[in-house]
Amino acid sequence: MSNPESMPNQLNIEISEEIAEGQYANLAIITHSHAEFVVDFVNVMPGTPKSRVKSRIILTPQHAKRLMHAITENIQKYESINGPIKDLEEVQLPLNFGGPTAQA
């Protein structure tokens, strides 16, 4: 059994139900200054000329680099189990997503 005194660096993280539901995004826009990285997550729907940022995360350069390494490591683990993830250019997506074809 673990002794709380033996884990002084343990961090207790809580998440609200609203945040736990998450936000779907199919586009990330990344910008940066000398002091921070800004990642905007957007849900772009086919046939709509306007989209809205669903979430914005602001990171220090050090945390942005740690996030990059964590994502890289997790992608490698995912691909070792599920096979390579194809780039979007390799995947043929239907433009109507099962709905009616958009017309101008």
N, C-alpha and C. Protein backbone atom coordinates (compact mmCIF):
# COMPACT_ATOMS: atom_id res chain seq x y z
N MET A 1 0.84 -1.18 0.00
CA MET A 1 0.00 0.00 0.00
C MET A 1 0.89 1.24 0.00
N SER A 2 0.48 2.26 -0.70
CA SER A 2 1.28 3.47 -0.82
C SER A 2 1.10 4.36 0.40
N ASN A 3 2.19 4.94 0.81
CA ASN A 3 2.18 5.87 1.92
C ASN A 3 2.19 7.28 1.34
N PRO A 4 1.21 8.15 1.70
CA PRO A 4 1.17 9.52 1.14
C PRO A 4 2.47 10.29 1.35
N GLU A 5 3.18 10.00 2.44
CA GLU A 5 4.44 10.69 2.70
C GLU A 5 5.52 10.28 1.71
N SER A 6 5.39 9.07 1.11
CA SER A 6 6.40 8.61 0.16
C SER A 6 6.17 9.18 -1.23
N MET A 7 5.03 9.88 -1.47
CA MET A 7 4.73 10.46 -2.78
C MET A 7 4.48 11.96 -2.64
N PRO A 8 5.51 12.73 -2.27
CA PRO A 8 5.29 14.16 -2.06
C PRO A 8 4.96 14.93 -3.33
N ASN A 9 5.29 14.40 -4.50
CA ASN A 9 5.06 15.10 -5.76
C ASN A 9 3.77 14.68 -6.43
N GLN A 10 2.93 13.89 -5.77
CA GLN A 10 1.67 13.45 -6.36
C GLN A 10 0.73 14.64 -6.50
N LEU A 11 0.05 14.72 -7.64
CA LEU A 11 -0.87 15.82 -7.93
C LEU A 11 -2.27 15.25 -8.08
N ASN A 12 -3.21 15.81 -7.36
CA ASN A 12 -4.60 15.40 -7.45
C ASN A 12 -5.31 16.33 -8.43
N ILE A 13 -5.78 15.77 -9.55
CA ILE A 13 -6.42 16.57 -10.59
C ILE A 13 -7.89 16.20 -10.67
N GLU A 14 -8.75 17.20 -10.65
CA GLU A 14 -10.19 16.99 -10.77
C GLU A 14 -10.67 17.55 -12.10
N ILE A 15 -11.79 17.00 -12.59
CA ILE A 15 -12.37 17.47 -13.84
C ILE A 15 -13.89 17.56 -13.67
N SER A 16 -14.47 18.66 -14.12
CA SER A 16 -15.91 18.82 -14.02
C SER A 16 -16.59 17.98 -15.10
N GLU A 17 -17.87 17.71 -14.92
CA GLU A 17 -18.62 16.93 -15.91
C GLU A 17 -18.63 17.63 -17.26
N GLU A 18 -18.80 18.96 -17.24
CA GLU A 18 -18.85 19.73 -18.49
C GLU A 18 -17.54 19.60 -19.27
N ILE A 19 -16.43 19.73 -18.59
CA ILE A 19 -15.13 19.62 -19.26
C ILE A 19 -14.88 18.18 -19.69
N ALA A 20 -15.30 17.22 -18.88
CA ALA A 20 -15.07 15.81 -19.20
C ALA A 20 -15.79 15.39 -20.48
N GLU A 21 -16.88 16.07 -20.83
CA GLU A 21 -17.58 15.75 -22.08
C GLU A 21 -16.72 16.06 -23.28
N GLY A 22 -15.84 17.04 -23.18
CA GLY A 22 -14.93 17.38 -24.27
C GLY A 22 -15.58 18.19 -25.36
N GLN A 23 -14.76 18.62 -26.29
CA GLN A 23 -15.19 19.36 -27.47
C GLN A 23 -14.59 18.68 -28.69
N TYR A 24 -15.39 18.42 -29.70
CA TYR A 24 -14.87 17.84 -30.94
C TYR A 24 -14.21 18.93 -31.76
N ALA A 25 -13.04 18.62 -32.31
CA ALA A 25 -12.35 19.55 -33.20
C ALA A 25 -11.70 18.75 -34.32
N ASN A 26 -11.77 19.28 -35.54
CA ASN A 26 -11.10 18.63 -36.66
C ASN A 26 -10.08 19.55 -37.32
N LEU A 27 -9.76 20.64 -36.61
CA LEU A 27 -8.74 21.57 -37.09
C LEU A 27 -8.08 22.22 -35.87
N ALA A 28 -6.76 22.29 -35.89
CA ALA A 28 -6.03 23.01 -34.85
C ALA A 28 -5.18 24.08 -35.55
N ILE A 29 -5.29 25.29 -35.06
CA ILE A 29 -4.50 26.40 -35.59
C ILE A 29 -3.50 26.79 -34.50
N ILE A 30 -2.22 26.76 -34.82
CA ILE A 30 -1.19 27.03 -33.83
C ILE A 30 -0.42 28.28 -34.22
N THR A 31 -0.36 29.21 -33.27
CA THR A 31 0.43 30.44 -33.45
C THR A 31 1.33 30.58 -32.23
N HIS A 32 2.34 31.46 -32.36
CA HIS A 32 3.24 31.63 -31.21
C HIS A 32 3.87 33.02 -31.22
N SER A 33 4.29 33.40 -30.03
CA SER A 33 5.10 34.61 -29.84
C SER A 33 6.38 34.14 -29.15
N HIS A 34 7.20 35.07 -28.74
CA HIS A 34 8.42 34.66 -28.04
C HIS A 34 8.11 34.06 -26.67
N ALA A 35 6.92 34.32 -26.11
CA ALA A 35 6.61 33.90 -24.75
C ALA A 35 5.58 32.78 -24.64
N GLU A 36 4.81 32.53 -25.72
CA GLU A 36 3.74 31.54 -25.59
C GLU A 36 3.34 30.93 -26.93
N PHE A 37 2.73 29.76 -26.84
CA PHE A 37 2.11 29.09 -27.98
C PHE A 37 0.61 29.12 -27.74
N VAL A 38 -0.15 29.42 -28.78
CA VAL A 38 -1.61 29.43 -28.70
C VAL A 38 -2.14 28.38 -29.66
N VAL A 39 -2.93 27.46 -29.12
CA VAL A 39 -3.54 26.41 -29.94
C VAL A 39 -5.05 26.61 -29.91
N ASP A 40 -5.61 26.92 -31.07
CA ASP A 40 -7.06 27.07 -31.21
C ASP A 40 -7.61 25.80 -31.85
N PHE A 41 -8.61 25.20 -31.21
CA PHE A 41 -9.26 24.02 -31.72
C PHE A 41 -10.59 24.43 -32.33
N VAL A 42 -10.81 24.01 -33.59
CA VAL A 42 -11.97 24.45 -34.37
C VAL A 42 -12.70 23.21 -34.90
N ASN A 43 -14.02 23.31 -34.99
CA ASN A 43 -14.83 22.28 -35.62
C ASN A 43 -15.34 22.86 -36.93
N VAL A 44 -14.76 22.42 -38.05
CA VAL A 44 -15.13 22.91 -39.38
C VAL A 44 -16.12 21.92 -39.99
N MET A 45 -17.31 22.42 -40.35
CA MET A 45 -18.32 21.57 -40.97
C MET A 45 -18.34 21.80 -42.48
N PRO A 46 -18.44 20.73 -43.25
CA PRO A 46 -18.46 20.88 -44.70
C PRO A 46 -19.64 21.73 -45.16
N GLY A 47 -19.39 22.56 -46.14
CA GLY A 47 -20.44 23.37 -46.72
C GLY A 47 -20.79 24.62 -45.93
N THR A 48 -20.10 24.87 -44.84
CA THR A 48 -20.37 26.08 -44.07
C THR A 48 -19.17 27.01 -44.20
N PRO A 49 -19.40 28.26 -44.53
CA PRO A 49 -18.29 29.19 -44.77
C PRO A 49 -17.67 29.75 -43.49
N LYS A 50 -18.30 29.48 -42.34
CA LYS A 50 -17.82 30.07 -41.09
C LYS A 50 -17.73 28.99 -40.02
N SER A 51 -16.67 29.05 -39.22
CA SER A 51 -16.50 28.13 -38.10
C SER A 51 -16.11 28.92 -36.87
N ARG A 52 -16.26 28.30 -35.73
CA ARG A 52 -15.98 28.97 -34.46
C ARG A 52 -14.93 28.19 -33.68
N VAL A 53 -14.04 28.90 -33.01
CA VAL A 53 -13.06 28.26 -32.14
C VAL A 53 -13.83 27.65 -30.97
N LYS A 54 -13.61 26.35 -30.73
CA LYS A 54 -14.29 25.65 -29.65
C LYS A 54 -13.50 25.71 -28.35
N SER A 55 -12.16 25.80 -28.47
CA SER A 55 -11.32 25.83 -27.29
C SER A 55 -9.99 26.45 -27.65
N ARG A 56 -9.41 27.19 -26.71
CA ARG A 56 -8.08 27.80 -26.91
C ARG A 56 -7.22 27.41 -25.72
N ILE A 57 -6.04 26.90 -26.03
CA ILE A 57 -5.08 26.53 -25.00
C ILE A 57 -3.83 27.39 -25.21
N ILE A 58 -3.37 28.02 -24.14
CA ILE A 58 -2.18 28.86 -24.20
C ILE A 58 -1.09 28.19 -23.36
N LEU A 59 0.06 27.96 -23.97
CA LEU A 59 1.16 27.22 -23.34
C LEU A 59 2.46 28.02 -23.37
N THR A 60 3.30 27.78 -22.38
CA THR A 60 4.66 28.30 -22.45
C THR A 60 5.40 27.48 -23.51
N PRO A 61 6.48 28.00 -24.08
CA PRO A 61 7.25 27.20 -25.05
C PRO A 61 7.71 25.86 -24.47
N GLN A 62 8.07 25.84 -23.20
CA GLN A 62 8.52 24.58 -22.58
C GLN A 62 7.38 23.57 -22.51
N HIS A 63 6.18 24.03 -22.14
CA HIS A 63 5.05 23.11 -22.07
C HIS A 63 4.59 22.68 -23.46
N ALA A 64 4.71 23.57 -24.44
CA ALA A 64 4.37 23.20 -25.82
C ALA A 64 5.28 22.07 -26.31
N LYS A 65 6.56 22.16 -25.97
CA LYS A 65 7.50 21.12 -26.39
C LYS A 65 7.21 19.81 -25.67
N ARG A 66 6.87 19.89 -24.39
CA ARG A 66 6.51 18.68 -23.63
C ARG A 66 5.25 18.05 -24.21
N LEU A 67 4.28 18.87 -24.61
CA LEU A 67 3.06 18.36 -25.23
C LEU A 67 3.39 17.67 -26.55
N MET A 68 4.27 18.28 -27.36
CA MET A 68 4.67 17.68 -28.63
C MET A 68 5.28 16.30 -28.40
N HIS A 69 6.15 16.18 -27.41
CA HIS A 69 6.79 14.88 -27.12
C HIS A 69 5.75 13.87 -26.62
N ALA A 70 4.81 14.31 -25.79
CA ALA A 70 3.78 13.41 -25.28
C ALA A 70 2.88 12.92 -26.40
N ILE A 71 2.50 13.81 -27.32
CA ILE A 71 1.66 13.40 -28.45
C ILE A 71 2.43 12.44 -29.35
N THR A 72 3.70 12.74 -29.63
CA THR A 72 4.52 11.86 -30.46
C THR A 72 4.62 10.47 -29.85
N GLU A 73 4.87 10.40 -28.55
CA GLU A 73 4.97 9.12 -27.86
C GLU A 73 3.65 8.35 -27.93
N ASN A 74 2.53 9.05 -27.74
CA ASN A 74 1.24 8.38 -27.77
C ASN A 74 0.87 7.92 -29.17
N ILE A 75 1.23 8.68 -30.19
CA ILE A 75 0.98 8.25 -31.57
C ILE A 75 1.79 7.00 -31.88
N GLN A 76 3.04 6.95 -31.44
CA GLN A 76 3.87 5.75 -31.65
C GLN A 76 3.25 4.53 -30.98
N LYS A 77 2.75 4.70 -29.75
CA LYS A 77 2.10 3.59 -29.04
C LYS A 77 0.83 3.16 -29.78
N TYR A 78 0.03 4.13 -30.22
CA TYR A 78 -1.21 3.83 -30.95
C TYR A 78 -0.89 3.04 -32.22
N GLU A 79 0.09 3.53 -33.00
CA GLU A 79 0.42 2.88 -34.27
C GLU A 79 1.03 1.49 -34.07
N SER A 80 1.72 1.27 -32.96
CA SER A 80 2.29 -0.06 -32.72
C SER A 80 1.19 -1.09 -32.48
N ILE A 81 0.03 -0.63 -32.00
CA ILE A 81 -1.10 -1.52 -31.76
C ILE A 81 -2.05 -1.57 -32.95
N ASN A 82 -2.34 -0.40 -33.55
CA ASN A 82 -3.39 -0.28 -34.57
C ASN A 82 -2.90 -0.12 -35.99
N GLY A 83 -1.61 0.01 -36.19
CA GLY A 83 -1.07 0.24 -37.53
C GLY A 83 -0.95 1.73 -37.80
N PRO A 84 -0.29 2.08 -38.90
CA PRO A 84 -0.03 3.49 -39.21
C PRO A 84 -1.31 4.30 -39.39
N ILE A 85 -1.28 5.51 -38.90
CA ILE A 85 -2.36 6.46 -39.13
C ILE A 85 -2.10 7.09 -40.49
N LYS A 86 -3.10 7.05 -41.37
CA LYS A 86 -2.93 7.64 -42.70
C LYS A 86 -3.14 9.15 -42.63
N ASP A 87 -2.35 9.89 -43.40
CA ASP A 87 -2.55 11.32 -43.52
C ASP A 87 -3.86 11.58 -44.25
N LEU A 88 -4.45 12.74 -44.03
CA LEU A 88 -5.73 13.07 -44.67
C LEU A 88 -5.68 12.94 -46.18
N GLU A 89 -4.53 13.27 -46.78
CA GLU A 89 -4.41 13.19 -48.23
C GLU A 89 -4.57 11.76 -48.72
N GLU A 90 -4.27 10.78 -47.84
CA GLU A 90 -4.37 9.37 -48.21
C GLU A 90 -5.77 8.82 -48.03
N VAL A 91 -6.60 9.49 -47.27
CA VAL A 91 -7.95 9.01 -46.97
C VAL A 91 -8.94 9.75 -47.84
N GLN A 92 -9.80 9.01 -48.53
CA GLN A 92 -10.82 9.61 -49.37
C GLN A 92 -12.09 9.80 -48.55
N LEU A 93 -12.36 11.02 -48.14
CA LEU A 93 -13.56 11.31 -47.35
C LEU A 93 -14.68 11.78 -48.27
N PRO A 94 -15.89 11.27 -48.06
CA PRO A 94 -17.01 11.80 -48.84
C PRO A 94 -17.30 13.23 -48.38
N LEU A 95 -17.48 14.14 -49.32
CA LEU A 95 -17.69 15.53 -48.97
C LEU A 95 -19.07 15.81 -48.40
N ASN A 96 -20.00 14.88 -48.58
CA ASN A 96 -21.34 15.14 -48.06
C ASN A 96 -21.57 14.48 -46.69
N PHE A 97 -20.64 13.67 -46.22
CA PHE A 97 -20.73 13.03 -44.90
C PHE A 97 -22.08 12.35 -44.69
N GLY A 98 -22.63 11.76 -45.73
CA GLY A 98 -23.87 11.03 -45.60
C GLY A 98 -25.11 11.88 -45.73
N GLY A 99 -24.97 13.19 -45.81
CA GLY A 99 -26.11 14.09 -45.94
C GLY A 99 -26.28 14.51 -47.38
N PRO A 100 -27.14 15.48 -47.62
CA PRO A 100 -27.35 15.93 -48.99
C PRO A 100 -26.12 16.66 -49.49
N THR A 101 -25.89 16.60 -50.78
CA THR A 101 -24.76 17.27 -51.40
C THR A 101 -25.00 18.77 -51.41
N ALA A 102 -24.01 19.52 -50.94
CA ALA A 102 -24.15 20.98 -50.88
C ALA A 102 -24.08 21.56 -52.28
N GLN A 103 -24.89 22.60 -52.51
CA GLN A 103 -24.88 23.27 -53.79
C GLN A 103 -24.79 24.77 -53.55
N ALA A 104 -24.09 25.45 -54.47
CA ALA A 104 -23.95 26.91 -54.32
C ALA A 104 -25.05 27.62 -55.08
